[in-house]
Amino acid sequence: MLTLDVQTILNSIPHEVRWEDIVQFKKLNERVAVANDVCANIVGINEGSIEWCPNDEPPSMLETFLWWWAVRPDLGYAIALEAPPELKEIISQYILKN
Protein backbone atom coordinates (compact mmCIF):
# COMPACT_ATOMS: atom_id res chain seq x y z
CA MET A 1 0.00 0.00 0.00
CA LEU A 2 1.29 3.45 -0.88
CA THR A 3 2.06 5.87 1.90
CA LEU A 4 -0.03 9.02 2.00
CA ASP A 5 2.94 11.25 1.10
CA VAL A 6 3.88 9.20 -1.96
CA GLN A 7 0.24 8.92 -3.04
CA THR A 8 -0.14 12.70 -2.73
CA ILE A 9 2.96 13.23 -4.85
CA LEU A 10 1.80 10.77 -7.50
CA ASN A 11 -1.61 12.41 -7.67
CA SER A 12 0.02 15.79 -8.35
CA ILE A 13 2.14 14.71 -11.32
CA PRO A 14 1.91 17.09 -14.28
CA HIS A 15 2.18 15.65 -17.79
CA GLU A 16 4.63 18.36 -18.88
CA VAL A 17 7.42 19.95 -16.85
CA ARG A 18 9.50 22.97 -17.83
CA TRP A 19 13.25 22.49 -17.80
CA GLU A 20 13.70 25.08 -15.06
CA ASP A 21 11.40 23.06 -12.79
CA ILE A 22 13.41 19.83 -13.13
CA VAL A 23 15.57 18.91 -10.16
CA GLN A 24 19.20 18.03 -11.00
CA PHE A 25 18.69 19.21 -14.57
CA LYS A 26 22.33 18.54 -15.51
CA LYS A 27 21.71 14.81 -15.09
CA LEU A 28 18.32 14.76 -16.81
CA ASN A 29 19.63 13.03 -19.95
CA GLU A 30 20.85 10.11 -17.86
CA ARG A 31 17.48 9.70 -16.13
CA VAL A 32 15.51 10.06 -19.36
CA ALA A 33 17.67 7.40 -21.02
CA VAL A 34 17.04 5.01 -18.12
CA ALA A 35 13.29 5.74 -18.05
CA ASN A 36 12.96 5.25 -21.81
CA ASP A 37 14.98 2.05 -21.63
CA VAL A 38 12.71 0.56 -18.95
CA CYS A 39 9.45 1.80 -20.55
CA ALA A 40 9.89 2.68 -24.23
CA ASN A 41 9.45 6.36 -25.07
CA ILE A 42 7.83 7.27 -21.76
CA VAL A 43 9.60 10.66 -21.62
CA GLY A 44 9.39 13.01 -24.57
CA ILE A 45 11.77 15.92 -24.99
CA ASN A 46 10.34 19.23 -26.17
CA GLU A 47 11.96 22.62 -26.54
CA GLY A 48 11.98 23.94 -23.00
CA SER A 49 10.19 21.01 -21.36
CA ILE A 50 9.80 17.27 -21.02
CA GLU A 51 6.53 15.42 -21.44
CA TRP A 52 5.16 12.23 -19.91
CA CYS A 53 3.99 9.82 -22.61
CA PRO A 54 2.80 6.71 -20.76
CA ASN A 55 2.24 3.60 -22.85
CA ASP A 56 -0.56 2.20 -20.70
CA GLU A 57 -3.99 3.67 -20.00
CA PRO A 58 -4.19 4.21 -17.14
CA PRO A 59 -0.42 4.51 -16.66
CA SER A 60 1.19 1.62 -14.82
CA MET A 61 2.76 2.23 -11.43
CA LEU A 62 6.19 1.61 -12.98
CA GLU A 63 5.56 4.30 -15.62
CA THR A 64 4.29 6.70 -12.97
CA PHE A 65 7.26 6.15 -10.65
CA LEU A 66 9.76 6.41 -13.55
CA TRP A 67 8.27 9.70 -14.69
CA TRP A 68 8.28 11.21 -11.24
CA TRP A 69 11.86 10.04 -10.61
CA ALA A 70 12.99 11.59 -13.92
CA VAL A 71 11.52 14.93 -12.83
CA ARG A 72 12.24 14.73 -9.09
CA PRO A 73 15.27 12.52 -8.40
CA ASP A 74 15.55 14.18 -5.00
CA LEU A 75 12.49 12.11 -4.03
CA GLY A 76 14.25 8.91 -5.11
CA TYR A 77 14.34 7.41 -1.63
CA ALA A 78 10.59 7.91 -1.08
CA ILE A 79 9.83 6.60 -4.57
CA ALA A 80 12.08 3.56 -4.06
CA LEU A 81 10.16 2.60 -0.91
CA GLU A 82 7.07 1.98 -3.05
CA ALA A 83 8.59 1.15 -6.45
CA PRO A 84 8.88 -2.24 -8.15
CA PRO A 85 12.21 -4.06 -7.52
CA GLU A 86 13.81 -3.13 -10.87
CA LEU A 87 13.21 0.58 -10.25
CA LYS A 88 14.41 0.30 -6.65
CA GLU A 89 17.72 -0.99 -7.99
CA ILE A 90 17.97 1.81 -10.58
CA ILE A 91 17.25 4.49 -7.99
CA SER A 92 19.68 2.94 -5.51
CA GLN A 93 22.47 2.97 -8.08
CA TYR A 94 21.65 6.57 -9.03
CA ILE A 95 21.75 7.69 -5.39
CA LEU A 96 25.07 5.92 -4.81
CA LYS A 97 26.63 7.61 -7.86
CA ASN A 98 25.43 11.06 -6.88
PDB file of N, CA and C in Angstrom:
ATOM      1  N   MET A   1       0.842  -1.180   0.000  1.00  0.00           N
ATOM      2  CA  MET A   1       0.000   0.000   0.000  1.00  0.00           C
ATOM      3  C   MET A   1       0.890   1.247   0.000  1.00  0.00           C
ATOM      4  N   LEU A   2       0.524   2.225  -0.798  1.00  0.00           N
ATOM      5  CA  LEU A   2       1.294   3.452  -0.881  1.00  0.00           C
ATOM      6  C   LEU A   2       1.100   4.304   0.364  1.00  0.00           C
ATOM      7  N   THR A   3       2.190   4.952   0.784  1.00  0.00           N
ATOM      8  CA  THR A   3       2.057   5.866   1.902  1.00  0.00           C
ATOM      9  C   THR A   3       1.323   7.118   1.429  1.00  0.00           C
ATOM     10  N   LEU A   4       0.736   7.831   2.348  1.00  0.00           N
ATOM     11  CA  LEU A   4      -0.028   9.024   2.004  1.00  0.00           C
ATOM     12  C   LEU A   4       0.836  10.038   1.272  1.00  0.00           C
ATOM     13  N   ASP A   5       2.075  10.266   1.735  1.00  0.00           N
ATOM     14  CA  ASP A   5       2.940  11.254   1.096  1.00  0.00           C
ATOM     15  C   ASP A   5       3.239  10.893  -0.347  1.00  0.00           C
ATOM     16  N   VAL A   6       3.575   9.626  -0.598  1.00  0.00           N
ATOM     17  CA  VAL A   6       3.877   9.200  -1.959  1.00  0.00           C
ATOM     18  C   VAL A   6       2.624   9.279  -2.818  1.00  0.00           C
ATOM     19  N   GLN A   7       1.492   8.862  -2.280  1.00  0.00           N
ATOM     20  CA  GLN A   7       0.243   8.923  -3.043  1.00  0.00           C
ATOM     21  C   GLN A   7      -0.092  10.364  -3.395  1.00  0.00           C
ATOM     22  N   THR A   8       0.116  11.293  -2.476  1.00  0.00           N
ATOM     23  CA  THR A   8      -0.136  12.705  -2.734  1.00  0.00           C
ATOM     24  C   THR A   8       0.759  13.204  -3.858  1.00  0.00           C
ATOM     25  N   ILE A   9       2.017  12.826  -3.812  1.00  0.00           N
ATOM     26  CA  ILE A   9       2.962  13.227  -4.855  1.00  0.00           C
ATOM     27  C   ILE A   9       2.517  12.669  -6.203  1.00  0.00           C
ATOM     28  N   LEU A  10       2.189  11.392  -6.238  1.00  0.00           N
ATOM     29  CA  LEU A  10       1.803  10.767  -7.499  1.00  0.00           C
ATOM     30  C   LEU A  10       0.532  11.383  -8.066  1.00  0.00           C
ATOM     31  N   ASN A  11      -0.368  11.788  -7.203  1.00  0.00           N
ATOM     32  CA  ASN A  11      -1.606  12.413  -7.670  1.00  0.00           C
ATOM     33  C   ASN A  11      -1.389  13.816  -8.219  1.00  0.00           C
ATOM     34  N   SER A  12      -0.245  14.415  -7.915  1.00  0.00           N
ATOM     35  CA  SER A  12       0.016  15.785  -8.351  1.00  0.00           C
ATOM     36  C   SER A  12       0.930  15.860  -9.579  1.00  0.00           C
ATOM     37  N   ILE A  13       1.192  14.746 -10.204  1.00  0.00           N
ATOM     38  CA  ILE A  13       2.136  14.713 -11.324  1.00  0.00           C
ATOM     39  C   ILE A  13       1.578  15.438 -12.539  1.00  0.00           C
ATOM     40  N   PRO A  14       2.309  16.454 -13.023  1.00  0.00           N
ATOM     41  CA  PRO A  14       1.905  17.093 -14.283  1.00  0.00           C
ATOM     42  C   PRO A  14       2.389  16.241 -15.469  1.00  0.00           C
ATOM     43  N   HIS A  15       1.773  16.402 -16.597  1.00  0.00           N
ATOM     44  CA  HIS A  15       2.185  15.649 -17.790  1.00  0.00           C
ATOM     45  C   HIS A  15       3.298  16.354 -18.554  1.00  0.00           C
ATOM     46  N   GLU A  16       3.531  17.612 -18.246  1.00  0.00           N
ATOM     47  CA  GLU A  16       4.625  18.356 -18.877  1.00  0.00           C
ATOM     48  C   GLU A  16       5.305  19.210 -17.811  1.00  0.00           C
ATOM     49  N   VAL A  17       6.640  19.215 -17.848  1.00  0.00           N
ATOM     50  CA  VAL A  17       7.417  19.953 -16.848  1.00  0.00           C
ATOM     51  C   VAL A  17       8.461  20.789 -17.573  1.00  0.00           C
ATOM     52  N   ARG A  18       8.498  22.064 -17.230  1.00  0.00           N
ATOM     53  CA  ARG A  18       9.498  22.965 -17.833  1.00  0.00           C
ATOM     54  C   ARG A  18      10.885  22.607 -17.324  1.00  0.00           C
ATOM     55  N   TRP A  19      11.878  22.821 -18.168  1.00  0.00           N
ATOM     56  CA  TRP A  19      13.252  22.490 -17.802  1.00  0.00           C
ATOM     57  C   TRP A  19      13.661  23.141 -16.492  1.00  0.00           C
ATOM     58  N   GLU A  20      13.268  24.377 -16.276  1.00  0.00           N
ATOM     59  CA  GLU A  20      13.703  25.082 -15.063  1.00  0.00           C
ATOM     60  C   GLU A  20      13.066  24.505 -13.798  1.00  0.00           C
ATOM     61  N   ASP A  21      12.048  23.673 -13.942  1.00  0.00           N
ATOM     62  CA  ASP A  21      11.398  23.056 -12.787  1.00  0.00           C
ATOM     63  C   ASP A  21      11.905  21.645 -12.505  1.00  0.00           C
ATOM     64  N   ILE A  22      12.881  21.189 -13.285  1.00  0.00           N
ATOM     65  CA  ILE A  22      13.410  19.832 -13.134  1.00  0.00           C
ATOM     66  C   ILE A  22      14.589  19.858 -12.165  1.00  0.00           C
ATOM     67  N   VAL A  23      14.504  19.021 -11.156  1.00  0.00           N
ATOM     68  CA  VAL A  23      15.566  18.906 -10.160  1.00  0.00           C
ATOM     69  C   VAL A  23      16.748  18.177 -10.787  1.00  0.00           C
ATOM     70  N   GLN A  24      17.958  18.617 -10.466  1.00  0.00           N
ATOM     71  CA  GLN A  24      19.196  18.028 -11.002  1.00  0.00           C
ATOM     72  C   GLN A  24      19.148  17.970 -12.527  1.00  0.00           C
ATOM     73  N   PHE A  25      18.858  19.118 -13.121  1.00  0.00           N
ATOM     74  CA  PHE A  25      18.689  19.207 -14.572  1.00  0.00           C
ATOM     75  C   PHE A  25      19.917  18.714 -15.343  1.00  0.00           C
ATOM     76  N   LYS A  26      21.103  18.946 -14.806  1.00  0.00           N
ATOM     77  CA  LYS A  26      22.327  18.539 -15.513  1.00  0.00           C
ATOM     78  C   LYS A  26      22.403  17.037 -15.742  1.00  0.00           C
ATOM     79  N   LYS A  27      21.701  16.269 -14.950  1.00  0.00           N
ATOM     80  CA  LYS A  27      21.712  14.809 -15.085  1.00  0.00           C
ATOM     81  C   LYS A  27      20.411  14.268 -15.691  1.00  0.00           C
ATOM     82  N   LEU A  28      19.606  15.165 -16.247  1.00  0.00           N
ATOM     83  CA  LEU A  28      18.325  14.761 -16.815  1.00  0.00           C
ATOM     84  C   LEU A  28      18.491  13.748 -17.943  1.00  0.00           C
ATOM     85  N   ASN A  29      19.446  13.954 -18.828  1.00  0.00           N
ATOM     86  CA  ASN A  29      19.631  13.030 -19.953  1.00  0.00           C
ATOM     87  C   ASN A  29      19.842  11.603 -19.474  1.00  0.00           C
ATOM     88  N   GLU A  30      20.596  11.444 -18.410  1.00  0.00           N
ATOM     89  CA  GLU A  30      20.847  10.109 -17.857  1.00  0.00           C
ATOM     90  C   GLU A  30      19.543   9.472 -17.369  1.00  0.00           C
ATOM     91  N   ARG A  31      18.735  10.239 -16.648  1.00  0.00           N
ATOM     92  CA  ARG A  31      17.476   9.703 -16.126  1.00  0.00           C
ATOM     93  C   ARG A  31      16.478   9.413 -17.243  1.00  0.00           C
ATOM     94  N   VAL A  32      16.416  10.281 -18.234  1.00  0.00           N
ATOM     95  CA  VAL A  32      15.507  10.057 -19.364  1.00  0.00           C
ATOM     96  C   VAL A  32      15.906   8.793 -20.114  1.00  0.00           C
ATOM     97  N   ALA A  33      17.205   8.602 -20.328  1.00  0.00           N
ATOM     98  CA  ALA A  33      17.670   7.399 -21.020  1.00  0.00           C
ATOM     99  C   ALA A  33      17.268   6.138 -20.256  1.00  0.00           C
ATOM    100  N   VAL A  34      17.415   6.167 -18.946  1.00  0.00           N
ATOM    101  CA  VAL A  34      17.038   5.014 -18.119  1.00  0.00           C
ATOM    102  C   VAL A  34      15.525   4.789 -18.199  1.00  0.00           C
ATOM    103  N   ALA A  35      14.757   5.853 -18.020  1.00  0.00           N
ATOM    104  CA  ALA A  35      13.294   5.737 -18.053  1.00  0.00           C
ATOM    105  C   ALA A  35      12.819   5.190 -19.393  1.00  0.00           C
ATOM    106  N   ASN A  36      13.374   5.699 -20.480  1.00  0.00           N
ATOM    107  CA  ASN A  36      12.963   5.254 -21.806  1.00  0.00           C
ATOM    108  C   ASN A  36      13.468   3.855 -22.129  1.00  0.00           C
ATOM    109  N   ASP A  37      14.497   3.419 -21.448  1.00  0.00           N
ATOM    110  CA  ASP A  37      14.975   2.049 -21.632  1.00  0.00           C
ATOM    111  C   ASP A  37      14.047   1.059 -20.916  1.00  0.00           C
ATOM    112  N   VAL A  38      13.589   1.435 -19.740  1.00  0.00           N
ATOM    113  CA  VAL A  38      12.706   0.560 -18.955  1.00  0.00           C
ATOM    114  C   VAL A  38      11.298   0.526 -19.557  1.00  0.00           C
ATOM    115  N   CYS A  39      10.778   1.678 -19.917  1.00  0.00           N
ATOM    116  CA  CYS A  39       9.447   1.799 -20.546  1.00  0.00           C
ATOM    117  C   CYS A  39       9.614   2.649 -21.803  1.00  0.00           C
ATOM    118  N   ALA A  40       9.567   2.015 -22.949  1.00  0.00           N
ATOM    119  CA  ALA A  40       9.886   2.677 -24.226  1.00  0.00           C
ATOM    120  C   ALA A  40       9.152   4.006 -24.405  1.00  0.00           C
ATOM    121  N   ASN A  41       9.954   5.029 -24.702  1.00  0.00           N
ATOM    122  CA  ASN A  41       9.451   6.365 -25.073  1.00  0.00           C
ATOM    123  C   ASN A  41       8.489   6.985 -24.065  1.00  0.00           C
ATOM    124  N   ILE A  42       8.728   6.738 -22.798  1.00  0.00           N
ATOM    125  CA  ILE A  42       7.835   7.273 -21.765  1.00  0.00           C
ATOM    126  C   ILE A  42       8.058   8.773 -21.526  1.00  0.00           C
ATOM    127  N   VAL A  43       9.283   9.243 -21.813  1.00  0.00           N
ATOM    128  CA  VAL A  43       9.597  10.660 -21.616  1.00  0.00           C
ATOM    129  C   VAL A  43       9.920  11.277 -22.974  1.00  0.00           C
ATOM    130  N   GLY A  44       9.142  12.273 -23.334  1.00  0.00           N
ATOM    131  CA  GLY A  44       9.390  13.012 -24.569  1.00  0.00           C
ATOM    132  C   GLY A  44      10.113  14.305 -24.260  1.00  0.00           C
ATOM    133  N   ILE A  45      10.998  14.689 -25.153  1.00  0.00           N
ATOM    134  CA  ILE A  45      11.772  15.924 -24.986  1.00  0.00           C
ATOM    135  C   ILE A  45      11.222  16.979 -25.940  1.00  0.00           C
ATOM    136  N   ASN A  46      10.817  18.096 -25.384  1.00  0.00           N
ATOM    137  CA  ASN A  46      10.338  19.235 -26.165  1.00  0.00           C
ATOM    138  C   ASN A  46      11.309  20.387 -25.975  1.00  0.00           C
ATOM    139  N   GLU A  47      11.140  21.436 -26.737  1.00  0.00           N
ATOM    140  CA  GLU A  47      11.965  22.617 -26.536  1.00  0.00           C
ATOM    141  C   GLU A  47      11.483  23.322 -25.276  1.00  0.00           C
ATOM    142  N   GLY A  48      12.306  23.274 -24.246  1.00  0.00           N
ATOM    143  CA  GLY A  48      11.984  23.936 -22.996  1.00  0.00           C
ATOM    144  C   GLY A  48      11.235  23.098 -21.979  1.00  0.00           C
ATOM    145  N   SER A  49      10.921  21.844 -22.310  1.00  0.00           N
ATOM    146  CA  SER A  49      10.186  21.012 -21.358  1.00  0.00           C
ATOM    147  C   SER A  49      10.348  19.537 -21.701  1.00  0.00           C
ATOM    148  N   ILE A  50       9.910  18.694 -20.752  1.00  0.00           N
ATOM    149  CA  ILE A  50       9.799  17.265 -21.021  1.00  0.00           C
ATOM    150  C   ILE A  50       8.335  16.887 -20.811  1.00  0.00           C
ATOM    151  N   GLU A  51       7.930  15.809 -21.470  1.00  0.00           N
ATOM    152  CA  GLU A  51       6.529  15.415 -21.444  1.00  0.00           C
ATOM    153  C   GLU A  51       6.405  13.936 -21.116  1.00  0.00           C
ATOM    154  N   TRP A  52       5.438  13.622 -20.285  1.00  0.00           N
ATOM    155  CA  TRP A  52       5.158  12.235 -19.912  1.00  0.00           C
ATOM    156  C   TRP A  52       4.259  11.619 -20.962  1.00  0.00           C
ATOM    157  N   CYS A  53       4.715  10.518 -21.545  1.00  0.00           N
ATOM    158  CA  CYS A  53       3.985   9.821 -22.606  1.00  0.00           C
ATOM    159  C   CYS A  53       3.804   8.361 -22.205  1.00  0.00           C
ATOM    160  N   PRO A  54       2.951   8.092 -21.217  1.00  0.00           N
ATOM    161  CA  PRO A  54       2.795   6.708 -20.761  1.00  0.00           C
ATOM    162  C   PRO A  54       2.248   5.816 -21.871  1.00  0.00           C
ATOM    163  N   ASN A  55       2.668   4.568 -21.849  1.00  0.00           N
ATOM    164  CA  ASN A  55       2.235   3.596 -22.849  1.00  0.00           C
ATOM    165  C   ASN A  55       0.924   2.940 -22.464  1.00  0.00           C
ATOM    166  N   ASP A  56       0.650   2.858 -21.172  1.00  0.00           N
ATOM    167  CA  ASP A  56      -0.558   2.196 -20.698  1.00  0.00           C
ATOM    168  C   ASP A  56      -1.630   3.226 -20.332  1.00  0.00           C
ATOM    169  N   GLU A  57      -2.879   2.815 -20.415  1.00  0.00           N
ATOM    170  CA  GLU A  57      -3.988   3.667 -19.998  1.00  0.00           C
ATOM    171  C   GLU A  57      -4.889   2.860 -19.080  1.00  0.00           C
ATOM    172  N   PRO A  58      -4.951   3.159 -17.821  1.00  0.00           N
ATOM    173  CA  PRO A  58      -4.193   4.205 -17.137  1.00  0.00           C
ATOM    174  C   PRO A  58      -2.711   3.817 -17.027  1.00  0.00           C
ATOM    175  N   PRO A  59      -1.853   4.806 -16.772  1.00  0.00           N
ATOM    176  CA  PRO A  59      -0.420   4.510 -16.659  1.00  0.00           C
ATOM    177  C   PRO A  59      -0.139   3.484 -15.566  1.00  0.00           C
ATOM    178  N   SER A  60       0.803   2.605 -15.833  1.00  0.00           N
ATOM    179  CA  SER A  60       1.192   1.620 -14.824  1.00  0.00           C
ATOM    180  C   SER A  60       1.927   2.330 -13.690  1.00  0.00           C
ATOM    181  N   MET A  61       2.015   1.657 -12.556  1.00  0.00           N
ATOM    182  CA  MET A  61       2.763   2.229 -11.432  1.00  0.00           C
ATOM    183  C   MET A  61       4.228   2.418 -11.808  1.00  0.00           C
ATOM    184  N   LEU A  62       4.795   1.471 -12.557  1.00  0.00           N
ATOM    185  CA  LEU A  62       6.191   1.606 -12.982  1.00  0.00           C
ATOM    186  C   LEU A  62       6.362   2.859 -13.831  1.00  0.00           C
ATOM    187  N   GLU A  63       5.473   3.086 -14.788  1.00  0.00           N
ATOM    188  CA  GLU A  63       5.558   4.295 -15.624  1.00  0.00           C
ATOM    189  C   GLU A  63       5.435   5.558 -14.771  1.00  0.00           C
ATOM    190  N   THR A  64       4.515   5.537 -13.828  1.00  0.00           N
ATOM    191  CA  THR A  64       4.290   6.696 -12.966  1.00  0.00           C
ATOM    192  C   THR A  64       5.520   6.987 -12.114  1.00  0.00           C
ATOM    193  N   PHE A  65       6.063   5.952 -11.489  1.00  0.00           N
ATOM    194  CA  PHE A  65       7.256   6.149 -10.653  1.00  0.00           C
ATOM    195  C   PHE A  65       8.449   6.579 -11.494  1.00  0.00           C
ATOM    196  N   LEU A  66       8.647   6.010 -12.678  1.00  0.00           N
ATOM    197  CA  LEU A  66       9.756   6.406 -13.545  1.00  0.00           C
ATOM    198  C   LEU A  66       9.661   7.872 -13.941  1.00  0.00           C
ATOM    199  N   TRP A  67       8.468   8.299 -14.306  1.00  0.00           N
ATOM    200  CA  TRP A  67       8.269   9.695 -14.690  1.00  0.00           C
ATOM    201  C   TRP A  67       8.594  10.633 -13.523  1.00  0.00           C
ATOM    202  N   TRP A  68       8.057  10.323 -12.382  1.00  0.00           N
ATOM    203  CA  TRP A  68       8.282  11.212 -11.239  1.00  0.00           C
ATOM    204  C   TRP A  68       9.753  11.229 -10.839  1.00  0.00           C
ATOM    205  N   TRP A  69      10.425  10.086 -10.923  1.00  0.00           N
ATOM    206  CA  TRP A  69      11.855  10.039 -10.605  1.00  0.00           C
ATOM    207  C   TRP A  69      12.663  10.845 -11.628  1.00  0.00           C
ATOM    208  N   ALA A  70      12.280  10.803 -12.900  1.00  0.00           N
ATOM    209  CA  ALA A  70      12.991  11.587 -13.924  1.00  0.00           C
ATOM    210  C   ALA A  70      12.908  13.079 -13.610  1.00  0.00           C
ATOM    211  N   VAL A  71      11.737  13.511 -13.133  1.00  0.00           N
ATOM    212  CA  VAL A  71      11.519  14.928 -12.829  1.00  0.00           C
ATOM    213  C   VAL A  71      12.053  15.304 -11.454  1.00  0.00           C
ATOM    214  N   ARG A  72      11.894  14.440 -10.479  1.00  0.00           N
ATOM    215  CA  ARG A  72      12.239  14.731  -9.086  1.00  0.00           C
ATOM    216  C   ARG A  72      13.142  13.650  -8.486  1.00  0.00           C
ATOM    217  N   PRO A  73      14.380  13.537  -8.954  1.00  0.00           N
ATOM    218  CA  PRO A  73      15.270  12.521  -8.398  1.00  0.00           C
ATOM    219  C   PRO A  73      15.576  12.724  -6.922  1.00  0.00           C
ATOM    220  N   ASP A  74      15.348  13.929  -6.420  1.00  0.00           N
ATOM    221  CA  ASP A  74      15.551  14.177  -4.995  1.00  0.00           C
ATOM    222  C   ASP A  74      14.549  13.406  -4.135  1.00  0.00           C
ATOM    223  N   LEU A  75      13.474  12.926  -4.743  1.00  0.00           N
ATOM    224  CA  LEU A  75      12.488  12.105  -4.030  1.00  0.00           C
ATOM    225  C   LEU A  75      12.744  10.614  -4.250  1.00  0.00           C
ATOM    226  N   GLY A  76      13.919  10.291  -4.772  1.00  0.00           N
ATOM    227  CA  GLY A  76      14.252   8.912  -5.107  1.00  0.00           C
ATOM    228  C   GLY A  76      14.069   7.938  -3.968  1.00  0.00           C
ATOM    229  N   TYR A  77      14.481   8.324  -2.778  1.00  0.00           N
ATOM    230  CA  TYR A  77      14.344   7.415  -1.632  1.00  0.00           C
ATOM    231  C   TYR A  77      12.881   7.098  -1.362  1.00  0.00           C
ATOM    232  N   ALA A  78      12.023   8.119  -1.337  1.00  0.00           N
ATOM    233  CA  ALA A  78      10.594   7.913  -1.084  1.00  0.00           C
ATOM    234  C   ALA A  78       9.966   7.088  -2.203  1.00  0.00           C
ATOM    235  N   ILE A  79      10.354   7.357  -3.438  1.00  0.00           N
ATOM    236  CA  ILE A  79       9.826   6.597  -4.572  1.00  0.00           C
ATOM    237  C   ILE A  79      10.276   5.142  -4.482  1.00  0.00           C
ATOM    238  N   ALA A  80      11.540   4.924  -4.136  1.00  0.00           N
ATOM    239  CA  ALA A  80      12.079   3.562  -4.061  1.00  0.00           C
ATOM    240  C   ALA A  80      11.364   2.717  -3.004  1.00  0.00           C
ATOM    241  N   LEU A  81      10.881   3.348  -1.954  1.00  0.00           N
ATOM    242  CA  LEU A  81      10.164   2.602  -0.915  1.00  0.00           C
ATOM    243  C   LEU A  81       8.921   1.912  -1.467  1.00  0.00           C
ATOM    244  N   GLU A  82       8.323   2.491  -2.496  1.00  0.00           N
ATOM    245  CA  GLU A  82       7.067   1.979  -3.051  1.00  0.00           C
ATOM    246  C   GLU A  82       7.230   1.344  -4.430  1.00  0.00           C
ATOM    247  N   ALA A  83       8.383   1.552  -5.059  1.00  0.00           N
ATOM    248  CA  ALA A  83       8.592   1.151  -6.452  1.00  0.00           C
ATOM    249  C   ALA A  83       8.810  -0.353  -6.620  1.00  0.00           C
ATOM    250  N   PRO A  84       8.561  -0.850  -7.838  1.00  0.00           N
ATOM    251  CA  PRO A  84       8.877  -2.244  -8.148  1.00  0.00           C
ATOM    252  C   PRO A  84      10.385  -2.492  -7.996  1.00  0.00           C
ATOM    253  N   PRO A  85      10.795  -3.740  -7.780  1.00  0.00           N
ATOM    254  CA  PRO A  85      12.208  -4.056  -7.524  1.00  0.00           C
ATOM    255  C   PRO A  85      13.189  -3.519  -8.567  1.00  0.00           C
ATOM    256  N   GLU A  86      12.857  -3.601  -9.851  1.00  0.00           N
ATOM    257  CA  GLU A  86      13.808  -3.132 -10.865  1.00  0.00           C
ATOM    258  C   GLU A  86      14.060  -1.635 -10.743  1.00  0.00           C
ATOM    259  N   LEU A  87      13.019  -0.856 -10.415  1.00  0.00           N
ATOM    260  CA  LEU A  87      13.211   0.582 -10.253  1.00  0.00           C
ATOM    261  C   LEU A  87      13.919   0.892  -8.942  1.00  0.00           C
ATOM    262  N   LYS A  88      13.668   0.117  -7.899  1.00  0.00           N
ATOM    263  CA  LYS A  88      14.409   0.300  -6.646  1.00  0.00           C
ATOM    264  C   LYS A  88      15.905   0.199  -6.894  1.00  0.00           C
ATOM    265  N   GLU A  89      16.300  -0.791  -7.680  1.00  0.00           N
ATOM    266  CA  GLU A  89      17.721  -0.988  -7.989  1.00  0.00           C
ATOM    267  C   GLU A  89      18.280   0.194  -8.779  1.00  0.00           C
ATOM    268  N   ILE A  90      17.539   0.664  -9.765  1.00  0.00           N
ATOM    269  CA  ILE A  90      17.970   1.805 -10.579  1.00  0.00           C
ATOM    270  C   ILE A  90      18.153   3.043  -9.695  1.00  0.00           C
ATOM    271  N   ILE A  91      17.176   3.310  -8.861  1.00  0.00           N
ATOM    272  CA  ILE A  91      17.251   4.490  -7.987  1.00  0.00           C
ATOM    273  C   ILE A  91      18.397   4.350  -6.998  1.00  0.00           C
ATOM    274  N   SER A  92      18.577   3.169  -6.447  1.00  0.00           N
ATOM    275  CA  SER A  92      19.679   2.940  -5.505  1.00  0.00           C
ATOM    276  C   SER A  92      21.027   3.224  -6.166  1.00  0.00           C
ATOM    277  N   GLN A  93      21.208   2.724  -7.359  1.00  0.00           N
ATOM    278  CA  GLN A  93      22.471   2.971  -8.079  1.00  0.00           C
ATOM    279  C   GLN A  93      22.653   4.453  -8.373  1.00  0.00           C
ATOM    280  N   TYR A  94      21.591   5.138  -8.744  1.00  0.00           N
ATOM    281  CA  TYR A  94      21.653   6.569  -9.034  1.00  0.00           C
ATOM    282  C   TYR A  94      22.047   7.355  -7.782  1.00  0.00           C
ATOM    283  N   ILE A  95      21.433   7.008  -6.651  1.00  0.00           N
ATOM    284  CA  ILE A  95      21.745   7.693  -5.390  1.00  0.00           C
ATOM    285  C   ILE A  95      23.204   7.445  -5.003  1.00  0.00           C
ATOM    286  N   LEU A  96      23.682   6.234  -5.161  1.00  0.00           N
ATOM    287  CA  LEU A  96      25.074   5.921  -4.809  1.00  0.00           C
ATOM    288  C   LEU A  96      26.067   6.688  -5.676  1.00  0.00           C
ATOM    289  N   LYS A  97      25.739   6.883  -6.938  1.00  0.00           N
ATOM    290  CA  LYS A  97      26.627   7.612  -7.861  1.00  0.00           C
ATOM    291  C   LYS A  97      26.630   9.106  -7.597  1.00  0.00           C
ATOM    292  N   ASN A  98      25.570   9.616  -7.038  1.00  0.00           N
ATOM    293  CA  ASN A  98      25.435  11.063  -6.877  1.00  0.00           C
ATOM    294  C   ASN A  98      25.503  11.379  -5.419  1.00  0.00           C
TER     295      ASN A  98
END
